């Protein structure tokens, strides 16, 4: 064999090995290496967190009535009215003045005791609480629509993927954050 033939064979073998090496690196592969993101819609949930809200209020109370029929006031008023009425008139008129004074005094005593009972009040401070809800939003993830060539798909991810999602050598999405 001559030298030029050997050189030609050597160059041919080297070229074939070079093409094979480049082919094994997928340099000539024309398929997409990324899926294109068409849309990424955030999925949120409204969370209600309960808490107690308290305040102090002044409450007015009426003391319990011990003499509901106001007998004490009526009796004391009748006695005082009778004594005062007895001071007027003479003879039979004195008796009438005493009775009228006792009746008027009894009525006045009853009314005075009622007025005193109505105004016998006291106040206390009480704590009143109610449950209120604070609202906040919790991020659940993203509903992602993507496209590989002419094929479109959907997936939920825990973060926004941006504009592209990487593909493996089989054309499958590479997801390490799938929800």
N, C-alpha and C. Protein backbone atom coordinates (compact mmCIF):
# COMPACT_ATOMS: atom_id res chain seq x y z
N UNK A 1 0.83 -1.17 0.00
CA UNK A 1 0.00 0.00 0.00
C UNK A 1 0.87 1.24 0.00
N UNK A 2 0.36 2.15 -0.62
CA UNK A 2 1.18 3.33 -0.68
C UNK A 2 0.82 4.28 0.45
N UNK A 3 1.67 5.21 0.61
CA UNK A 3 1.54 6.12 1.74
C UNK A 3 0.31 7.01 1.61
N UNK A 4 -0.02 7.42 0.47
CA UNK A 4 -1.17 8.29 0.32
C UNK A 4 -2.46 7.54 0.59
N UNK A 5 -2.49 6.26 0.29
CA UNK A 5 -3.68 5.48 0.58
C UNK A 5 -3.83 5.31 2.09
N UNK A 6 -2.71 5.03 2.75
CA UNK A 6 -2.74 4.89 4.20
C UNK A 6 -3.14 6.22 4.85
N UNK A 7 -2.67 7.28 4.34
CA UNK A 7 -3.03 8.59 4.89
C UNK A 7 -4.51 8.84 4.67
N UNK A 8 -5.05 8.47 3.53
CA UNK A 8 -6.48 8.64 3.24
C UNK A 8 -7.33 7.80 4.17
N UNK A 9 -6.91 6.55 4.39
CA UNK A 9 -7.66 5.67 5.30
C UNK A 9 -7.60 6.25 6.72
N UNK A 10 -6.47 6.70 7.12
CA UNK A 10 -6.31 7.28 8.46
C UNK A 10 -7.20 8.50 8.66
N UNK A 11 -7.24 9.35 7.64
CA UNK A 11 -8.07 10.55 7.72
C UNK A 11 -9.54 10.15 7.73
N UNK A 12 -9.91 9.15 6.95
CA UNK A 12 -11.30 8.68 6.90
C UNK A 12 -11.73 8.10 8.24
N UNK A 13 -10.86 7.29 8.85
CA UNK A 13 -11.18 6.70 10.16
C UNK A 13 -11.30 7.82 11.20
N UNK A 14 -10.42 8.76 11.19
CA UNK A 14 -10.46 9.86 12.15
C UNK A 14 -11.74 10.67 11.98
N UNK A 15 -12.13 10.92 10.74
CA UNK A 15 -13.36 11.67 10.48
C UNK A 15 -14.57 10.90 10.96
N UNK A 16 -14.61 9.59 10.73
CA UNK A 16 -15.73 8.76 11.18
C UNK A 16 -15.82 8.76 12.69
N UNK A 17 -14.69 8.64 13.35
CA UNK A 17 -14.68 8.68 14.82
C UNK A 17 -15.14 10.04 15.33
N UNK A 18 -14.75 11.08 14.68
CA UNK A 18 -15.17 12.43 15.07
C UNK A 18 -16.66 12.62 14.92
N UNK A 19 -17.23 12.16 13.81
CA UNK A 19 -18.67 12.26 13.58
C UNK A 19 -19.41 11.44 14.63
N UNK A 20 -18.92 10.24 14.94
CA UNK A 20 -19.56 9.39 15.94
C UNK A 20 -19.53 10.06 17.32
N UNK A 21 -18.42 10.67 17.66
CA UNK A 21 -18.30 11.34 18.95
C UNK A 21 -19.28 12.51 19.05
N UNK A 22 -19.37 13.29 17.99
CA UNK A 22 -20.28 14.43 17.98
C UNK A 22 -21.72 13.95 18.03
N UNK A 23 -22.04 12.88 17.34
CA UNK A 23 -23.41 12.34 17.34
C UNK A 23 -23.79 11.85 18.73
N UNK A 24 -22.82 11.27 19.45
CA UNK A 24 -23.14 10.78 20.80
C UNK A 24 -23.40 11.94 21.76
N UNK A 25 -22.99 13.12 21.44
CA UNK A 25 -23.25 14.30 22.27
C UNK A 25 -24.59 14.95 21.95
N UNK A 26 -25.37 14.37 21.08
CA UNK A 26 -26.69 14.89 20.69
C UNK A 26 -26.61 16.28 20.08
N UNK A 27 -25.49 16.58 19.44
CA UNK A 27 -25.36 17.88 18.82
C UNK A 27 -26.30 18.02 17.65
N UNK A 28 -26.55 16.92 16.95
CA UNK A 28 -27.40 16.98 15.76
C UNK A 28 -28.87 16.74 16.07
N UNK A 29 -29.18 16.43 17.32
CA UNK A 29 -30.59 16.18 17.68
C UNK A 29 -31.37 17.48 17.54
N UNK A 30 -32.49 17.43 16.88
CA UNK A 30 -33.24 18.64 16.60
C UNK A 30 -34.42 18.84 17.56
N UNK A 31 -34.75 17.86 18.42
CA UNK A 31 -35.89 17.99 19.33
C UNK A 31 -35.66 19.08 20.36
N UNK A 32 -36.73 19.65 20.94
CA UNK A 32 -36.57 20.72 21.92
C UNK A 32 -35.95 20.18 23.21
N UNK A 33 -35.13 20.98 23.86
CA UNK A 33 -34.54 20.62 25.13
C UNK A 33 -35.25 21.31 26.28
N UNK A 34 -36.19 22.16 25.94
CA UNK A 34 -36.99 22.87 26.94
C UNK A 34 -38.44 22.88 26.49
N UNK A 35 -39.32 22.81 27.47
CA UNK A 35 -40.74 23.03 27.20
C UNK A 35 -40.99 24.53 27.38
N UNK A 36 -41.76 25.11 26.49
CA UNK A 36 -42.08 26.53 26.59
C UNK A 36 -43.29 26.70 27.51
N UNK A 37 -43.20 27.59 28.48
CA UNK A 37 -44.31 27.86 29.40
C UNK A 37 -45.27 28.80 28.71
N UNK A 38 -46.53 28.36 28.56
CA UNK A 38 -47.57 29.18 27.94
C UNK A 38 -48.18 30.12 28.99
N UNK A 39 -48.46 29.56 30.18
CA UNK A 39 -49.01 30.38 31.26
C UNK A 39 -48.69 29.72 32.60
N UNK A 40 -48.62 30.55 33.64
CA UNK A 40 -48.42 30.08 35.01
C UNK A 40 -49.36 30.89 35.89
N UNK A 41 -50.46 30.25 36.33
CA UNK A 41 -51.49 30.94 37.11
C UNK A 41 -51.30 30.63 38.59
N UNK A 42 -51.12 31.67 39.44
CA UNK A 42 -50.95 31.41 40.87
C UNK A 42 -52.24 30.86 41.48
N UNK A 43 -52.10 29.87 42.35
CA UNK A 43 -53.23 29.28 43.06
C UNK A 43 -53.08 29.69 44.53
N UNK A 44 -54.05 30.47 45.01
CA UNK A 44 -53.99 30.99 46.39
C UNK A 44 -55.21 30.51 47.16
N UNK A 45 -55.05 30.44 48.48
CA UNK A 45 -56.14 30.05 49.36
C UNK A 45 -56.26 31.13 50.43
N UNK A 46 -57.49 31.56 50.71
CA UNK A 46 -57.70 32.53 51.78
C UNK A 46 -57.79 31.77 53.10
N UNK A 47 -56.98 32.19 54.06
CA UNK A 47 -56.92 31.54 55.37
C UNK A 47 -57.48 32.50 56.40
N UNK A 48 -58.40 32.01 57.24
CA UNK A 48 -58.96 32.82 58.32
C UNK A 48 -58.35 32.32 59.63
N UNK A 49 -57.70 33.23 60.36
CA UNK A 49 -57.08 32.89 61.63
C UNK A 49 -57.88 33.56 62.74
N UNK A 50 -58.46 32.75 63.67
CA UNK A 50 -59.27 33.35 64.73
C UNK A 50 -58.39 33.95 65.84
N UNK A 51 -58.89 35.03 66.45
CA UNK A 51 -58.24 35.59 67.63
C UNK A 51 -59.31 36.28 68.48
N UNK A 52 -59.03 36.41 69.78
CA UNK A 52 -59.96 37.05 70.70
C UNK A 52 -59.68 38.55 70.74
N UNK A 53 -60.76 39.32 70.67
CA UNK A 53 -60.66 40.77 70.81
C UNK A 53 -61.51 41.14 72.01
N UNK A 54 -60.88 41.70 73.05
CA UNK A 54 -61.58 41.99 74.30
C UNK A 54 -61.55 43.49 74.59
N UNK A 55 -62.58 43.94 75.34
CA UNK A 55 -62.63 45.34 75.78
C UNK A 55 -63.36 45.38 77.11
N UNK A 56 -63.08 46.41 77.89
CA UNK A 56 -63.75 46.59 79.17
C UNK A 56 -64.94 47.52 78.98
N UNK A 57 -66.08 47.13 79.57
CA UNK A 57 -67.29 47.95 79.49
C UNK A 57 -67.81 48.19 80.90
N UNK A 58 -68.43 49.35 81.09
CA UNK A 58 -69.05 49.69 82.37
C UNK A 58 -70.50 49.25 82.32
N UNK A 59 -70.89 48.46 83.33
CA UNK A 59 -72.25 47.92 83.38
C UNK A 59 -72.93 48.47 84.64
N UNK A 60 -74.15 49.00 84.47
CA UNK A 60 -74.92 49.54 85.59
C UNK A 60 -75.88 48.47 86.10
N UNK A 61 -75.90 48.30 87.45
CA UNK A 61 -76.78 47.31 88.08
C UNK A 61 -77.68 48.03 89.10
N UNK A 62 -78.85 47.48 89.31
CA UNK A 62 -79.76 47.98 90.34
C UNK A 62 -79.68 47.01 91.51
N UNK A 63 -79.52 47.57 92.70
CA UNK A 63 -79.44 46.69 93.88
C UNK A 63 -80.79 46.00 94.06
N UNK A 64 -80.76 44.78 94.57
CA UNK A 64 -82.03 44.06 94.78
C UNK A 64 -82.92 44.81 95.79
N UNK A 65 -84.21 44.88 95.49
CA UNK A 65 -85.18 45.57 96.35
C UNK A 65 -85.56 44.63 97.48
N UNK A 66 -85.45 45.12 98.72
CA UNK A 66 -85.77 44.28 99.88
C UNK A 66 -87.26 44.42 100.26
N UNK A 67 -87.85 45.55 99.95
CA UNK A 67 -89.25 45.80 100.31
C UNK A 67 -89.99 46.19 99.03
N UNK A 68 -90.38 45.16 98.24
CA UNK A 68 -91.00 45.41 96.94
C UNK A 68 -92.31 46.19 97.05
N UNK A 69 -93.08 45.99 98.10
CA UNK A 69 -94.38 46.65 98.25
C UNK A 69 -94.26 48.01 98.93
N UNK A 70 -93.06 48.40 99.30
CA UNK A 70 -92.77 49.71 99.90
C UNK A 70 -93.58 49.93 101.19
N UNK A 71 -93.70 48.88 101.95
CA UNK A 71 -94.49 48.95 103.20
C UNK A 71 -93.82 49.89 104.20
N UNK A 72 -92.50 49.82 104.29
CA UNK A 72 -91.80 50.67 105.26
C UNK A 72 -92.07 52.15 104.97
N UNK A 73 -91.93 52.56 103.72
CA UNK A 73 -92.17 53.96 103.36
C UNK A 73 -93.61 54.36 103.61
N UNK A 74 -94.55 53.46 103.29
CA UNK A 74 -95.98 53.77 103.49
C UNK A 74 -96.29 53.94 104.98
N UNK A 75 -95.76 53.05 105.81
CA UNK A 75 -96.05 53.11 107.26
C UNK A 75 -95.43 54.36 107.86
N UNK A 76 -94.17 54.61 107.56
CA UNK A 76 -93.52 55.80 108.12
C UNK A 76 -94.21 57.07 107.64
N UNK A 77 -94.60 57.12 106.36
CA UNK A 77 -95.31 58.29 105.82
C UNK A 77 -96.67 58.46 106.48
N UNK A 78 -97.38 57.36 106.72
CA UNK A 78 -98.71 57.44 107.36
C UNK A 78 -98.60 57.95 108.79
N UNK A 79 -97.60 57.45 109.52
CA UNK A 79 -97.42 57.91 110.91
C UNK A 79 -97.08 59.40 110.92
N UNK A 80 -96.14 59.80 110.09
CA UNK A 80 -95.76 61.22 110.06
C UNK A 80 -96.93 62.08 109.61
N UNK A 81 -97.67 61.64 108.58
CA UNK A 81 -98.82 62.40 108.10
C UNK A 81 -99.92 62.47 109.15
N UNK A 82 -100.14 61.39 109.90
CA UNK A 82 -101.15 61.39 110.95
C UNK A 82 -100.79 62.35 112.06
N UNK A 83 -99.50 62.38 112.45
CA UNK A 83 -99.05 63.30 113.50
C UNK A 83 -99.23 64.75 113.04
N UNK A 84 -98.85 65.02 111.81
CA UNK A 84 -98.98 66.38 111.30
C UNK A 84 -100.46 66.75 111.17
N UNK A 85 -101.30 65.84 110.65
CA UNK A 85 -102.73 66.11 110.48
C UNK A 85 -103.44 66.31 111.82
N UNK A 86 -102.94 65.66 112.86
CA UNK A 86 -103.55 65.77 114.19
C UNK A 86 -103.35 67.18 114.77
N UNK A 87 -102.40 67.93 114.23
CA UNK A 87 -102.12 69.28 114.71
C UNK A 87 -103.18 70.28 114.26
N UNK A 88 -104.03 69.89 113.30
CA UNK A 88 -105.00 70.83 112.75
C UNK A 88 -106.41 70.47 113.22
N UNK A 89 -107.24 71.44 113.26
CA UNK A 89 -108.65 71.26 113.56
C UNK A 89 -108.90 71.03 115.04
N UNK A 90 -110.14 70.83 115.34
CA UNK A 90 -110.54 70.59 116.70
C UNK A 90 -111.74 69.67 116.72
N UNK A 91 -111.88 68.83 117.72
CA UNK A 91 -113.02 67.93 117.84
C UNK A 91 -112.99 66.90 116.74
N UNK A 92 -114.15 66.81 116.06
CA UNK A 92 -114.30 65.83 114.98
C UNK A 92 -113.41 66.19 113.79
N UNK A 93 -113.12 67.44 113.55
CA UNK A 93 -112.26 67.90 112.47
C UNK A 93 -110.82 67.45 112.68
N UNK A 94 -110.43 67.34 113.97
CA UNK A 94 -109.08 66.88 114.27
C UNK A 94 -108.93 65.43 113.82
N UNK A 95 -109.98 64.61 114.05
CA UNK A 95 -109.93 63.19 113.64
C UNK A 95 -109.85 63.07 112.11
N UNK A 96 -110.66 63.90 111.43
CA UNK A 96 -110.64 63.87 109.96
C UNK A 96 -109.28 64.32 109.45
N UNK A 97 -108.69 65.35 110.03
CA UNK A 97 -107.38 65.85 109.62
C UNK A 97 -106.31 64.79 109.88
N UNK A 98 -106.44 64.05 110.97
CA UNK A 98 -105.47 62.98 111.28
C UNK A 98 -105.55 61.88 110.22
N UNK A 99 -106.77 61.45 109.84
CA UNK A 99 -106.95 60.39 108.83
C UNK A 99 -106.44 60.88 107.47
N UNK A 100 -106.81 62.09 107.09
CA UNK A 100 -106.36 62.62 105.80
C UNK A 100 -104.84 62.76 105.80
N UNK A 101 -104.26 63.21 106.89
CA UNK A 101 -102.80 63.33 107.01
C UNK A 101 -102.13 61.97 106.92
N UNK A 102 -102.73 60.95 107.56
CA UNK A 102 -102.16 59.60 107.52
C UNK A 102 -102.21 59.04 106.10
N UNK A 103 -103.36 59.22 105.40
CA UNK A 103 -103.48 58.73 104.02
C UNK A 103 -102.49 59.44 103.09
N UNK A 104 -102.43 60.75 103.20
CA UNK A 104 -101.50 61.51 102.35
C UNK A 104 -100.05 61.16 102.67
N UNK A 105 -99.74 61.03 103.94
CA UNK A 105 -98.37 60.68 104.35
C UNK A 105 -97.99 59.28 103.89
N UNK A 106 -98.96 58.35 103.97
CA UNK A 106 -98.70 56.97 103.51
C UNK A 106 -98.40 56.94 102.02
N UNK A 107 -99.18 57.70 101.25
CA UNK A 107 -98.95 57.75 99.80
C UNK A 107 -97.59 58.40 99.50
N UNK A 108 -97.30 59.51 100.16
CA UNK A 108 -96.03 60.21 99.94
C UNK A 108 -94.86 59.32 100.34
N UNK A 109 -94.96 58.62 101.46
CA UNK A 109 -93.89 57.72 101.91
C UNK A 109 -93.65 56.59 100.92
N UNK A 110 -94.74 56.06 100.37
CA UNK A 110 -94.64 54.99 99.36
C UNK A 110 -93.90 55.49 98.13
N UNK A 111 -94.24 56.70 97.66
CA UNK A 111 -93.60 57.26 96.47
C UNK A 111 -92.13 57.59 96.72
N UNK A 112 -91.83 58.11 97.89
CA UNK A 112 -90.44 58.45 98.22
C UNK A 112 -89.59 57.18 98.27
N UNK A 113 -90.10 56.13 98.92
CA UNK A 113 -89.35 54.87 98.97
C UNK A 113 -89.13 54.31 97.57
N UNK A 114 -90.15 54.39 96.71
CA UNK A 114 -90.01 53.90 95.32
C UNK A 114 -88.93 54.66 94.57
N UNK A 115 -88.89 55.97 94.75
CA UNK A 115 -87.88 56.79 94.09
C UNK A 115 -86.48 56.44 94.59
N UNK A 116 -86.35 56.20 95.88
CA UNK A 116 -85.04 55.82 96.44
C UNK A 116 -84.60 54.45 95.92
N UNK A 117 -85.54 53.53 95.82
CA UNK A 117 -85.20 52.19 95.32
C UNK A 117 -84.76 52.25 93.85
N UNK A 118 -85.42 53.10 93.06
CA UNK A 118 -85.07 53.23 91.63
C UNK A 118 -83.65 53.77 91.45
N UNK A 119 -83.23 54.65 92.34
CA UNK A 119 -81.91 55.27 92.18
C UNK A 119 -80.82 54.53 92.94
N UNK A 120 -81.12 53.38 93.52
CA UNK A 120 -80.12 52.60 94.27
C UNK A 120 -79.37 51.70 93.28
N UNK A 121 -78.39 52.29 92.56
CA UNK A 121 -77.67 51.56 91.52
C UNK A 121 -76.17 51.59 91.82
N UNK A 122 -75.46 50.69 91.17
CA UNK A 122 -73.99 50.66 91.26
C UNK A 122 -73.45 50.19 89.91
N UNK A 123 -72.19 50.47 89.65
CA UNK A 123 -71.59 50.08 88.37
C UNK A 123 -70.41 49.14 88.60
N UNK A 124 -70.18 48.27 87.62
CA UNK A 124 -69.02 47.38 87.62
C UNK A 124 -68.38 47.44 86.23
N UNK A 125 -67.15 47.00 86.16
CA UNK A 125 -66.46 46.91 84.88
C UNK A 125 -66.34 45.43 84.52
N UNK A 126 -66.80 45.10 83.34
CA UNK A 126 -66.73 43.71 82.87
C UNK A 126 -65.96 43.65 81.57
N UNK A 127 -65.27 42.52 81.38
CA UNK A 127 -64.54 42.31 80.13
C UNK A 127 -65.46 41.55 79.17
N UNK A 128 -65.64 42.09 77.99
CA UNK A 128 -66.45 41.45 76.95
C UNK A 128 -65.52 41.07 75.81
N UNK A 129 -65.58 39.82 75.39
CA UNK A 129 -64.70 39.34 74.33
C UNK A 129 -65.53 38.77 73.18
N UNK A 130 -64.95 38.87 71.99
CA UNK A 130 -65.57 38.25 70.83
C UNK A 130 -64.45 37.72 69.93
N UNK A 131 -64.79 36.74 69.12
CA UNK A 131 -63.82 36.15 68.20
C UNK A 131 -63.89 36.90 66.88
N UNK A 132 -62.73 37.37 66.43
CA UNK A 132 -62.62 38.01 65.11
C UNK A 132 -61.65 37.18 64.28
N UNK A 133 -61.75 37.30 62.97
CA UNK A 133 -60.92 36.50 62.07
C UNK A 133 -60.05 37.41 61.22
N UNK A 134 -58.74 37.15 61.27
CA UNK A 134 -57.79 37.84 60.40
C UNK A 134 -57.66 37.01 59.13
N UNK A 135 -57.76 37.67 57.97
CA UNK A 135 -57.65 36.97 56.69
C UNK A 135 -56.26 37.17 56.10
N UNK A 136 -55.73 36.09 55.53
CA UNK A 136 -54.46 36.16 54.82
C UNK A 136 -54.51 35.18 53.66
N UNK A 137 -53.60 35.36 52.71
CA UNK A 137 -53.58 34.47 51.55
C UNK A 137 -52.38 33.55 51.64
N UNK A 138 -52.61 32.28 51.37
CA UNK A 138 -51.55 31.27 51.38
C UNK A 138 -51.36 30.80 49.94
N UNK A 139 -50.11 30.79 49.50
CA UNK A 139 -49.79 30.35 48.14
C UNK A 139 -49.73 28.83 48.12
N UNK A 140 -50.56 28.22 47.25
CA UNK A 140 -50.58 26.76 47.11
C UNK A 140 -49.65 26.29 46.00
N UNK A 141 -49.47 27.09 44.99
CA UNK A 141 -48.62 26.70 43.86
C UNK A 141 -49.05 27.43 42.61
N UNK A 142 -48.68 26.85 41.45
CA UNK A 142 -49.00 27.44 40.16
C UNK A 142 -49.56 26.36 39.24
N UNK A 143 -50.64 26.67 38.55
CA UNK A 143 -51.12 25.82 37.47
C UNK A 143 -50.40 26.27 36.20
N UNK A 144 -49.55 25.38 35.68
CA UNK A 144 -48.67 25.73 34.56
C UNK A 144 -49.14 25.02 33.30
N UNK A 145 -49.31 25.78 32.23
CA UNK A 145 -49.59 25.23 30.90
C UNK A 145 -48.29 25.37 30.11
N UNK A 146 -47.84 24.24 29.53
CA UNK A 146 -46.57 24.25 28.79
C UNK A 146 -46.78 23.62 27.43
N UNK A 147 -45.77 23.81 26.56
CA UNK A 147 -45.85 23.29 25.20
C UNK A 147 -44.51 22.66 24.85
N UNK A 148 -44.56 21.39 24.35
CA UNK A 148 -43.38 20.71 23.83
C UNK A 148 -43.68 20.43 22.36
N UNK A 149 -43.05 21.17 21.49
CA UNK A 149 -43.37 21.05 20.07
C UNK A 149 -44.81 21.49 19.84
N UNK A 150 -45.63 20.57 19.29
CA UNK A 150 -47.05 20.88 19.07
C UNK A 150 -47.93 20.35 20.20
N UNK A 151 -47.34 19.65 21.15
CA UNK A 151 -48.10 19.06 22.27
C UNK A 151 -48.21 20.07 23.42
N UNK A 152 -49.42 20.20 23.97
CA UNK A 152 -49.62 21.09 25.11
C UNK A 152 -50.00 20.25 26.32
N UNK A 153 -49.54 20.64 27.50
CA UNK A 153 -49.84 19.91 28.73
C UNK A 153 -50.02 20.87 29.90
N UNK A 154 -50.50 20.31 31.02
CA UNK A 154 -50.71 21.11 32.23
C UNK A 154 -50.14 20.36 33.42
N UNK A 155 -49.64 21.11 34.37
CA UNK A 155 -49.09 20.52 35.59
C UNK A 155 -49.16 21.58 36.69
N UNK A 156 -49.22 21.14 37.95
CA UNK A 156 -49.19 22.07 39.08
C UNK A 156 -47.78 22.03 39.68
N UNK A 157 -47.22 23.22 39.87
CA UNK A 157 -45.87 23.33 40.43
C UNK A 157 -45.92 24.21 41.67
N UNK A 158 -44.92 24.02 42.56
CA UNK A 158 -44.92 24.80 43.79
C UNK A 158 -44.28 26.18 43.63
N UNK A 159 -43.69 26.44 42.48
CA UNK A 159 -43.11 27.77 42.22
C UNK A 159 -43.35 28.13 40.75
N UNK A 160 -43.19 29.40 40.46
CA UNK A 160 -43.34 29.88 39.08
C UNK A 160 -42.13 29.39 38.28
N UNK A 161 -42.33 28.63 37.19
CA UNK A 161 -41.20 28.05 36.46
C UNK A 161 -40.48 29.04 35.55
N UNK A 162 -41.01 30.21 35.37
CA UNK A 162 -40.40 31.15 34.43
C UNK A 162 -40.93 30.90 33.03
N UNK A 163 -40.07 31.02 32.02
CA UNK A 163 -40.53 30.88 30.63
C UNK A 163 -40.27 29.49 30.05
N UNK A 164 -39.41 28.69 30.70
CA UNK A 164 -39.08 27.36 30.17
C UNK A 164 -38.97 26.35 31.30
N UNK A 165 -39.23 25.07 30.94
CA UNK A 165 -39.03 23.95 31.86
C UNK A 165 -38.07 22.99 31.15
N UNK A 166 -36.97 22.59 31.80
CA UNK A 166 -36.02 21.70 31.13
C UNK A 166 -36.61 20.31 30.87
N UNK A 167 -36.09 19.67 29.79
CA UNK A 167 -36.52 18.32 29.41
C UNK A 167 -35.34 17.36 29.55
N UNK A 168 -35.64 16.09 29.87
CA UNK A 168 -34.58 15.08 29.90
C UNK A 168 -34.36 14.54 28.49
N UNK A 169 -33.49 13.53 28.36
CA UNK A 169 -33.15 12.99 27.03
C UNK A 169 -34.32 12.27 26.38
N UNK A 170 -35.34 11.90 27.17
CA UNK A 170 -36.54 11.25 26.62
C UNK A 170 -37.64 12.25 26.30
N UNK A 171 -37.37 13.53 26.47
CA UNK A 171 -38.37 14.55 26.17
C UNK A 171 -39.38 14.75 27.29
N UNK A 172 -39.06 14.26 28.51
CA UNK A 172 -39.95 14.41 29.66
C UNK A 172 -39.51 15.62 30.48
N UNK A 173 -40.49 16.26 31.13
CA UNK A 173 -40.19 17.42 31.97
C UNK A 173 -39.29 16.99 33.12
N UNK A 174 -38.33 17.84 33.45
CA UNK A 174 -37.50 17.61 34.63
C UNK A 174 -38.10 18.46 35.74
N UNK A 175 -38.76 17.78 36.68
CA UNK A 175 -39.46 18.47 37.76
C UNK A 175 -38.93 17.97 39.09
N UNK A 176 -38.38 18.86 39.85
CA UNK A 176 -38.00 18.49 41.21
C UNK A 176 -38.84 19.28 42.21
N UNK A 177 -39.88 19.92 41.72
CA UNK A 177 -40.77 20.68 42.60
C UNK A 177 -42.23 20.48 42.22
N UNK A 178 -42.58 19.29 41.79
CA UNK A 178 -43.97 18.99 41.42
C UNK A 178 -44.80 18.90 42.69
N UNK A 179 -45.99 19.52 42.67
CA UNK A 179 -46.87 19.48 43.84
C UNK A 179 -47.62 18.17 43.84
